[in-house]
All heavy atoms as atom14 arrays in JSON, in Angstrom:
{
  "sequence": "DTFLSTGIVSSQKVSASMSHDIARKALIAVILALVFMAA",
  "atom14_mask": [
    [1, 1, 1, 1, 1, 1, 1, 1, 0, 0, 0, 0, 0, 0],
    [1, 1, 1, 1, 1, 1, 1, 0, 0, 0, 0, 0, 0, 0],
    [1, 1, 1, 1, 1, 1, 1, 1, 1, 1, 1, 0, 0, 0],
    [1, 1, 1, 1, 1, 1, 1, 1, 0, 0, 0, 0, 0, 0],
    [1, 1, 1, 1, 1, 1, 0, 0, 0, 0, 0, 0, 0, 0],
    [1, 1, 1, 1, 1, 1, 1, 0, 0, 0, 0, 0, 0, 0],
    [1, 1, 1, 1, 0, 0, 0, 0, 0, 0, 0, 0, 0, 0],
    [1, 1, 1, 1, 1, 1, 1, 1, 0, 0, 0, 0, 0, 0],
    [1, 1, 1, 1, 1, 1, 1, 0, 0, 0, 0, 0, 0, 0],
    [1, 1, 1, 1, 1, 1, 0, 0, 0, 0, 0, 0, 0, 0],
    [1, 1, 1, 1, 1, 1, 0, 0, 0, 0, 0, 0, 0, 0],
    [1, 1, 1, 1, 1, 1, 1, 1, 1, 0, 0, 0, 0, 0],
    [1, 1, 1, 1, 1, 1, 1, 1, 1, 0, 0, 0, 0, 0],
    [1, 1, 1, 1, 1, 1, 1, 0, 0, 0, 0, 0, 0, 0],
    [1, 1, 1, 1, 1, 1, 0, 0, 0, 0, 0, 0, 0, 0],
    [1, 1, 1, 1, 1, 0, 0, 0, 0, 0, 0, 0, 0, 0],
    [1, 1, 1, 1, 1, 1, 0, 0, 0, 0, 0, 0, 0, 0],
    [1, 1, 1, 1, 1, 1, 1, 1, 0, 0, 0, 0, 0, 0],
    [1, 1, 1, 1, 1, 1, 0, 0, 0, 0, 0, 0, 0, 0],
    [1, 1, 1, 1, 1, 1, 1, 1, 1, 1, 0, 0, 0, 0],
    [1, 1, 1, 1, 1, 1, 1, 1, 0, 0, 0, 0, 0, 0],
    [1, 1, 1, 1, 1, 1, 1, 1, 0, 0, 0, 0, 0, 0],
    [1, 1, 1, 1, 1, 0, 0, 0, 0, 0, 0, 0, 0, 0],
    [1, 1, 1, 1, 1, 1, 1, 1, 1, 1, 1, 0, 0, 0],
    [1, 1, 1, 1, 1, 1, 1, 1, 1, 0, 0, 0, 0, 0],
    [1, 1, 1, 1, 1, 0, 0, 0, 0, 0, 0, 0, 0, 0],
    [1, 1, 1, 1, 1, 1, 1, 1, 0, 0, 0, 0, 0, 0],
    [1, 1, 1, 1, 1, 1, 1, 1, 0, 0, 0, 0, 0, 0],
    [1, 1, 1, 1, 1, 0, 0, 0, 0, 0, 0, 0, 0, 0],
    [1, 1, 1, 1, 1, 1, 1, 0, 0, 0, 0, 0, 0, 0],
    [1, 1, 1, 1, 1, 1, 1, 1, 0, 0, 0, 0, 0, 0],
    [1, 1, 1, 1, 1, 1, 1, 1, 0, 0, 0, 0, 0, 0],
    [1, 1, 1, 1, 1, 0, 0, 0, 0, 0, 0, 0, 0, 0],
    [1, 1, 1, 1, 1, 1, 1, 1, 0, 0, 0, 0, 0, 0],
    [1, 1, 1, 1, 1, 1, 1, 0, 0, 0, 0, 0, 0, 0],
    [1, 1, 1, 1, 1, 1, 1, 1, 1, 1, 1, 0, 0, 0],
    [1, 1, 1, 1, 1, 1, 1, 1, 0, 0, 0, 0, 0, 0],
    [1, 1, 1, 1, 1, 0, 0, 0, 0, 0, 0, 0, 0, 0],
    [1, 1, 1, 1, 1, 0, 0, 0, 0, 0, 0, 0, 0, 0]
  ],
  "atom14_positions": [
    [[17.08, -2.98, -163.12], [17.88, -3.06, -161.9], [18.29, -1.68, -161.4], [18.26, -1.4, -160.2], [19.13, -3.93, -162.12], [18.78, -5.4, -162.32], [17.68, -5.81, -161.86], [19.59, -6.14, -162.91], [0.0, 0.0, 0.0], [0.0, 0.0, 0.0], [0.0, 0.0, 0.0], [0.0, 0.0, 0.0], [0.0, 0.0, 0.0], [0.0, 0.0, 0.0]],
    [[18.68, -0.8, -162.31], [19.05, 0.57, -161.94], [17.85, 1.31, -161.37], [17.96, 2.05, -160.39], [19.62, 1.33, -163.15], [20.74, 0.61, -163.67], [20.05, 2.74, -162.76], [0.0, 0.0, 0.0], [0.0, 0.0, 0.0], [0.0, 0.0, 0.0], [0.0, 0.0, 0.0], [0.0, 0.0, 0.0], [0.0, 0.0, 0.0], [0.0, 0.0, 0.0]],
    [[16.69, 1.1, -161.99], [15.46, 1.74, -161.51], [15.15, 1.31, -160.08], [14.84, 2.14, -159.22], [14.3, 1.39, -162.43], [12.96, 1.84, -161.92], [12.55, 3.16, -162.04], [12.11, 0.93, -161.29], [11.32, 3.58, -161.56], [10.88, 1.33, -160.8], [10.48, 2.67, -160.94], [0.0, 0.0, 0.0], [0.0, 0.0, 0.0], [0.0, 0.0, 0.0]],
    [[15.26, 0.01, -159.81], [14.93, -0.51, -158.48], [15.95, -0.07, -157.43], [15.6, 0.1, -156.26], [14.85, -2.04, -158.52], [13.72, -2.64, -159.38], [13.77, -4.16, -159.35], [12.36, -2.14, -158.92], [0.0, 0.0, 0.0], [0.0, 0.0, 0.0], [0.0, 0.0, 0.0], [0.0, 0.0, 0.0], [0.0, 0.0, 0.0], [0.0, 0.0, 0.0]],
    [[17.2, 0.13, -157.83], [18.23, 0.47, -156.85], [18.37, 1.97, -156.62], [18.62, 2.42, -155.5], [19.59, -0.11, -157.27], [19.97, 0.42, -158.53], [0.0, 0.0, 0.0], [0.0, 0.0, 0.0], [0.0, 0.0, 0.0], [0.0, 0.0, 0.0], [0.0, 0.0, 0.0], [0.0, 0.0, 0.0], [0.0, 0.0, 0.0], [0.0, 0.0, 0.0]],
    [[18.18, 2.77, -157.68], [18.37, 4.22, -157.54], [17.13, 5.03, -157.9], [16.93, 6.12, -157.37], [19.54, 4.7, -158.42], [19.25, 4.41, -159.8], [20.83, 4.03, -158.01], [0.0, 0.0, 0.0], [0.0, 0.0, 0.0], [0.0, 0.0, 0.0], [0.0, 0.0, 0.0], [0.0, 0.0, 0.0], [0.0, 0.0, 0.0], [0.0, 0.0, 0.0]],
    [[16.31, 4.51, -158.81], [15.1, 5.24, -159.21], [14.08, 5.29, -158.09], [13.43, 6.32, -157.86], [0.0, 0.0, 0.0], [0.0, 0.0, 0.0], [0.0, 0.0, 0.0], [0.0, 0.0, 0.0], [0.0, 0.0, 0.0], [0.0, 0.0, 0.0], [0.0, 0.0, 0.0], [0.0, 0.0, 0.0], [0.0, 0.0, 0.0], [0.0, 0.0, 0.0]],
    [[13.93, 4.17, -157.37], [13.06, 4.14, -156.19], [13.9, 4.58, -155.0], [14.72, 3.83, -154.48], [12.46, 2.74, -155.97], [11.58, 2.34, -157.16], [11.65, 2.71, -154.68], [10.95, 0.96, -157.02], [0.0, 0.0, 0.0], [0.0, 0.0, 0.0], [0.0, 0.0, 0.0], [0.0, 0.0, 0.0], [0.0, 0.0, 0.0], [0.0, 0.0, 0.0]],
    [[13.7, 5.82, -154.58], [14.51, 6.41, -153.51], [14.21, 5.74, -152.17], [15.12, 5.48, -151.37], [14.25, 7.93, -153.43], [15.04, 8.55, -152.27], [14.6, 8.6, -154.75], [0.0, 0.0, 0.0], [0.0, 0.0, 0.0], [0.0, 0.0, 0.0], [0.0, 0.0, 0.0], [0.0, 0.0, 0.0], [0.0, 0.0, 0.0], [0.0, 0.0, 0.0]],
    [[12.94, 5.47, -151.92], [12.55, 4.81, -150.67], [11.24, 4.07, -150.88], [10.46, 4.4, -151.78], [12.4, 5.82, -149.53], [11.31, 6.69, -149.77], [0.0, 0.0, 0.0], [0.0, 0.0, 0.0], [0.0, 0.0, 0.0], [0.0, 0.0, 0.0], [0.0, 0.0, 0.0], [0.0, 0.0, 0.0], [0.0, 0.0, 0.0], [0.0, 0.0, 0.0]],
    [[11.01, 3.07, -150.05], [9.76, 2.31, -150.11], [9.44, 1.77, -148.73], [10.34, 1.52, -147.93], [9.87, 1.16, -151.12], [10.84, 0.21, -150.68], [0.0, 0.0, 0.0], [0.0, 0.0, 0.0], [0.0, 0.0, 0.0], [0.0, 0.0, 0.0], [0.0, 0.0, 0.0], [0.0, 0.0, 0.0], [0.0, 0.0, 0.0], [0.0, 0.0, 0.0]],
    [[8.16, 1.64, -148.45], [7.72, 1.06, -147.19], [6.35, 0.42, -147.38], [5.6, 0.78, -148.3], [7.67, 2.12, -146.09], [6.76, 3.29, -146.39], [6.78, 4.36, -145.31], [6.65, 5.53, -145.6], [6.93, 3.97, -144.07], [0.0, 0.0, 0.0], [0.0, 0.0, 0.0], [0.0, 0.0, 0.0], [0.0, 0.0, 0.0], [0.0, 0.0, 0.0]],
    [[6.04, -0.51, -146.49], [4.77, -1.22, -146.57], [4.19, -1.36, -145.17], [4.91, -1.68, -144.22], [4.94, -2.61, -147.19], [3.64, -3.4, -147.28], [3.86, -4.78, -147.87], [2.54, -5.53, -147.99], [1.88, -5.74, -146.69], [0.0, 0.0, 0.0], [0.0, 0.0, 0.0], [0.0, 0.0, 0.0], [0.0, 0.0, 0.0], [0.0, 0.0, 0.0]],
    [[2.9, -1.1, -145.06], [2.17, -1.26, -143.81], [0.93, -2.08, -144.1], [0.14, -1.71, -144.96], [1.79, 0.1, -143.18], [0.98, -0.11, -141.9], [3.02, 0.94, -142.9], [0.0, 0.0, 0.0], [0.0, 0.0, 0.0], [0.0, 0.0, 0.0], [0.0, 0.0, 0.0], [0.0, 0.0, 0.0], [0.0, 0.0, 0.0], [0.0, 0.0, 0.0]],
    [[0.75, -3.17, -143.36], [-0.42, -4.02, -143.59], [-1.67, -3.32, -143.07], [-1.61, -2.4, -142.26], [-0.25, -5.36, -142.87], [-0.25, -5.18, -141.47], [0.0, 0.0, 0.0], [0.0, 0.0, 0.0], [0.0, 0.0, 0.0], [0.0, 0.0, 0.0], [0.0, 0.0, 0.0], [0.0, 0.0, 0.0], [0.0, 0.0, 0.0], [0.0, 0.0, 0.0]],
    [[-2.83, -3.78, -143.53], [-4.1, -3.18, -143.13], [-4.33, -3.31, -141.62], [-4.78, -2.38, -140.96], [-5.25, -3.84, -143.9], [0.0, 0.0, 0.0], [0.0, 0.0, 0.0], [0.0, 0.0, 0.0], [0.0, 0.0, 0.0], [0.0, 0.0, 0.0], [0.0, 0.0, 0.0], [0.0, 0.0, 0.0], [0.0, 0.0, 0.0], [0.0, 0.0, 0.0]],
    [[-3.98, -4.48, -141.06], [-4.2, -4.68, -139.62], [-3.26, -3.8, -138.8], [-3.65, -3.23, -137.78], [-3.98, -6.16, -139.26], [-2.66, -6.56, -139.6], [0.0, 0.0, 0.0], [0.0, 0.0, 0.0], [0.0, 0.0, 0.0], [0.0, 0.0, 0.0], [0.0, 0.0, 0.0], [0.0, 0.0, 0.0], [0.0, 0.0, 0.0], [0.0, 0.0, 0.0]],
    [[-2.01, -3.65, -139.27], [-1.06, -2.8, -138.56], [-1.49, -1.33, -138.64], [-1.39, -0.6, -137.65], [0.34, -2.96, -139.15], [1.42, -2.17, -138.4], [3.05, -2.32, -139.18], [3.36, -4.07, -138.92], [0.0, 0.0, 0.0], [0.0, 0.0, 0.0], [0.0, 0.0, 0.0], [0.0, 0.0, 0.0], [0.0, 0.0, 0.0], [0.0, 0.0, 0.0]],
    [[-1.97, -0.89, -139.8], [-2.4, 0.51, -139.94], [-3.58, 0.82, -139.04], [-3.66, 1.9, -138.46], [-2.77, 0.8, -141.4], [-3.93, 0.07, -141.78], [0.0, 0.0, 0.0], [0.0, 0.0, 0.0], [0.0, 0.0, 0.0], [0.0, 0.0, 0.0], [0.0, 0.0, 0.0], [0.0, 0.0, 0.0], [0.0, 0.0, 0.0], [0.0, 0.0, 0.0]],
    [[-4.49, -0.15, -138.89], [-5.63, 0.04, -138.0], [-5.15, 0.21, -136.56], [-5.65, 1.07, -135.82], [-6.58, -1.16, -138.11], [-7.74, -1.09, -137.16], [-8.82, -0.25, -137.36], [-7.98, -1.74, -135.99], [-9.67, -0.39, -136.35], [-9.19, -1.3, -135.52], [0.0, 0.0, 0.0], [0.0, 0.0, 0.0], [0.0, 0.0, 0.0], [0.0, 0.0, 0.0]],
    [[-4.18, -0.58, -136.17], [-3.64, -0.5, -134.81], [-2.92, 0.82, -134.58], [-3.06, 1.45, -133.52], [-2.69, -1.68, -134.58], [-2.21, -1.76, -133.13], [-3.07, -1.79, -132.24], [-0.99, -1.81, -132.91], [0.0, 0.0, 0.0], [0.0, 0.0, 0.0], [0.0, 0.0, 0.0], [0.0, 0.0, 0.0], [0.0, 0.0, 0.0], [0.0, 0.0, 0.0]],
    [[-2.14, 1.26, -135.58], [-1.43, 2.54, -135.46], [-2.41, 3.69, -135.36], [-2.25, 4.6, -134.54], [-0.48, 2.74, -136.67], [0.65, 1.7, -136.65], [0.11, 4.15, -136.68], [1.51, 1.7, -137.89], [0.0, 0.0, 0.0], [0.0, 0.0, 0.0], [0.0, 0.0, 0.0], [0.0, 0.0, 0.0], [0.0, 0.0, 0.0], [0.0, 0.0, 0.0]],
    [[-3.46, 3.68, -136.2], [-4.45, 4.74, -136.18], [-5.17, 4.8, -134.83], [-5.42, 5.87, -134.28], [-5.45, 4.55, -137.31], [0.0, 0.0, 0.0], [0.0, 0.0, 0.0], [0.0, 0.0, 0.0], [0.0, 0.0, 0.0], [0.0, 0.0, 0.0], [0.0, 0.0, 0.0], [0.0, 0.0, 0.0], [0.0, 0.0, 0.0], [0.0, 0.0, 0.0]],
    [[-5.5, 3.62, -134.3], [-6.2, 3.57, -133.01], [-5.32, 4.15, -131.9], [-5.78, 4.94, -131.07], [-6.58, 2.11, -132.69], [-7.31, 1.93, -131.36], [-7.67, 0.47, -131.16], [-6.48, -0.37, -131.13], [-5.73, -0.56, -130.05], [-6.03, 0.05, -128.92], [-4.67, -1.35, -130.1], [0.0, 0.0, 0.0], [0.0, 0.0, 0.0], [0.0, 0.0, 0.0]],
    [[-4.05, 3.77, -131.89], [-3.14, 4.28, -130.86], [-2.88, 5.78, -131.01], [-2.74, 6.5, -130.02], [-1.82, 3.5, -130.91], [-1.95, 2.06, -130.43], [-0.62, 1.33, -130.47], [-0.76, -0.1, -129.93], [0.51, -0.85, -129.99], [0.0, 0.0, 0.0], [0.0, 0.0, 0.0], [0.0, 0.0, 0.0], [0.0, 0.0, 0.0], [0.0, 0.0, 0.0]],
    [[-2.83, 6.25, -132.25], [-2.63, 7.69, -132.47], [-3.82, 8.48, -131.95], [-3.65, 9.53, -131.31], [-2.44, 7.96, -133.97], [0.0, 0.0, 0.0], [0.0, 0.0, 0.0], [0.0, 0.0, 0.0], [0.0, 0.0, 0.0], [0.0, 0.0, 0.0], [0.0, 0.0, 0.0], [0.0, 0.0, 0.0], [0.0, 0.0, 0.0], [0.0, 0.0, 0.0]],
    [[-5.03, 7.98, -132.21], [-6.24, 8.64, -131.71], [-6.27, 8.65, -130.19], [-6.6, 9.67, -129.56], [-7.48, 7.94, -132.27], [-8.84, 8.54, -131.87], [-8.95, 9.98, -132.37], [-9.98, 7.69, -132.41], [0.0, 0.0, 0.0], [0.0, 0.0, 0.0], [0.0, 0.0, 0.0], [0.0, 0.0, 0.0], [0.0, 0.0, 0.0], [0.0, 0.0, 0.0]],
    [[-5.91, 7.52, -129.59], [-5.86, 7.43, -128.12], [-4.85, 8.43, -127.57], [-5.09, 9.1, -126.56], [-5.52, 6.0, -127.68], [-6.69, 5.05, -128.0], [-5.2, 5.94, -126.19], [-6.37, 3.59, -127.76], [0.0, 0.0, 0.0], [0.0, 0.0, 0.0], [0.0, 0.0, 0.0], [0.0, 0.0, 0.0], [0.0, 0.0, 0.0], [0.0, 0.0, 0.0]],
    [[-3.69, 8.55, -128.23], [-2.64, 9.46, -127.77], [-3.14, 10.91, -127.76], [-2.92, 11.65, -126.79], [-1.4, 9.34, -128.66], [0.0, 0.0, 0.0], [0.0, 0.0, 0.0], [0.0, 0.0, 0.0], [0.0, 0.0, 0.0], [0.0, 0.0, 0.0], [0.0, 0.0, 0.0], [0.0, 0.0, 0.0], [0.0, 0.0, 0.0], [0.0, 0.0, 0.0]],
    [[-3.83, 11.32, -128.83], [-4.34, 12.69, -128.91], [-5.4, 12.94, -127.86], [-5.39, 13.97, -127.16], [-4.89, 12.98, -130.32], [-5.57, 14.35, -130.36], [-3.77, 12.93, -131.36], [0.0, 0.0, 0.0], [0.0, 0.0, 0.0], [0.0, 0.0, 0.0], [0.0, 0.0, 0.0], [0.0, 0.0, 0.0], [0.0, 0.0, 0.0], [0.0, 0.0, 0.0]],
    [[-6.34, 12.0, -127.71], [-7.41, 12.16, -126.72], [-6.84, 12.22, -125.31], [-7.24, 13.07, -124.5], [-8.44, 11.02, -126.85], [-9.19, 11.14, -128.19], [-9.43, 11.04, -125.69], [-10.12, 9.98, -128.47], [0.0, 0.0, 0.0], [0.0, 0.0, 0.0], [0.0, 0.0, 0.0], [0.0, 0.0, 0.0], [0.0, 0.0, 0.0], [0.0, 0.0, 0.0]],
    [[-5.9, 11.33, -125.0], [-5.29, 11.33, -123.66], [-4.55, 12.64, -123.41], [-4.59, 13.18, -122.29], [-4.33, 10.15, -123.52], [-4.97, 8.77, -123.3], [-3.88, 7.7, -123.23], [-5.8, 8.75, -122.03], [0.0, 0.0, 0.0], [0.0, 0.0, 0.0], [0.0, 0.0, 0.0], [0.0, 0.0, 0.0], [0.0, 0.0, 0.0], [0.0, 0.0, 0.0]],
    [[-3.87, 13.15, -124.43], [-3.17, 14.42, -124.27], [-4.14, 15.54, -123.93], [-3.89, 16.35, -123.02], [-2.39, 14.76, -125.55], [0.0, 0.0, 0.0], [0.0, 0.0, 0.0], [0.0, 0.0, 0.0], [0.0, 0.0, 0.0], [0.0, 0.0, 0.0], [0.0, 0.0, 0.0], [0.0, 0.0, 0.0], [0.0, 0.0, 0.0], [0.0, 0.0, 0.0]],
    [[-5.27, 15.59, -124.63], [-6.28, 16.62, -124.36], [-6.86, 16.48, -122.95], [-7.0, 17.47, -122.22], [-7.41, 16.53, -125.4], [-7.04, 16.87, -126.85], [-8.2, 16.57, -127.77], [-6.65, 18.33, -126.97], [0.0, 0.0, 0.0], [0.0, 0.0, 0.0], [0.0, 0.0, 0.0], [0.0, 0.0, 0.0], [0.0, 0.0, 0.0], [0.0, 0.0, 0.0]],
    [[-7.18, 15.24, -122.57], [-7.78, 15.0, -121.26], [-6.81, 15.34, -120.14], [-7.15, 16.01, -119.15], [-8.26, 13.54, -121.14], [-8.69, 13.21, -119.71], [-9.43, 13.28, -122.1], [0.0, 0.0, 0.0], [0.0, 0.0, 0.0], [0.0, 0.0, 0.0], [0.0, 0.0, 0.0], [0.0, 0.0, 0.0], [0.0, 0.0, 0.0], [0.0, 0.0, 0.0]],
    [[-5.56, 14.88, -120.27], [-4.57, 15.13, -119.22], [-4.22, 16.62, -119.11], [-3.95, 17.11, -118.01], [-3.32, 14.29, -119.46], [-3.41, 12.9, -118.9], [-3.77, 11.84, -119.7], [-3.17, 12.67, -117.56], [-3.87, 10.55, -119.18], [-3.27, 11.38, -117.02], [-3.62, 10.32, -117.83], [0.0, 0.0, 0.0], [0.0, 0.0, 0.0], [0.0, 0.0, 0.0]],
    [[-4.22, 17.32, -120.23], [-3.97, 18.77, -120.17], [-5.1, 19.46, -119.41], [-4.87, 20.35, -118.59], [-3.85, 19.34, -121.58], [-2.58, 18.97, -122.3], [-1.05, 19.48, -121.47], [-0.57, 17.96, -120.67], [0.0, 0.0, 0.0], [0.0, 0.0, 0.0], [0.0, 0.0, 0.0], [0.0, 0.0, 0.0], [0.0, 0.0, 0.0], [0.0, 0.0, 0.0]],
    [[-6.35, 19.06, -119.69], [-7.5, 19.64, -118.97], [-7.42, 19.31, -117.49], [-7.71, 20.16, -116.62], [-8.8, 19.13, -119.58], [0.0, 0.0, 0.0], [0.0, 0.0, 0.0], [0.0, 0.0, 0.0], [0.0, 0.0, 0.0], [0.0, 0.0, 0.0], [0.0, 0.0, 0.0], [0.0, 0.0, 0.0], [0.0, 0.0, 0.0], [0.0, 0.0, 0.0]],
    [[-7.02, 18.07, -117.17], [-6.9, 17.66, -115.76], [-5.79, 18.45, -115.06], [-5.95, 18.86, -113.9], [-6.61, 16.16, -115.68], [0.0, 0.0, 0.0], [0.0, 0.0, 0.0], [0.0, 0.0, 0.0], [0.0, 0.0, 0.0], [0.0, 0.0, 0.0], [0.0, 0.0, 0.0], [0.0, 0.0, 0.0], [0.0, 0.0, 0.0], [0.0, 0.0, 0.0]]
  ]
}
């Protein structure tokens, strides 16, 4: 119990489908930034 409450400082979980969506949006954000800067 002590390990779970204080030993683990932080934890997070991201599903495979959510990570794919985040990665896709991040790539789109970078590409759009490059294109709009050139424009």
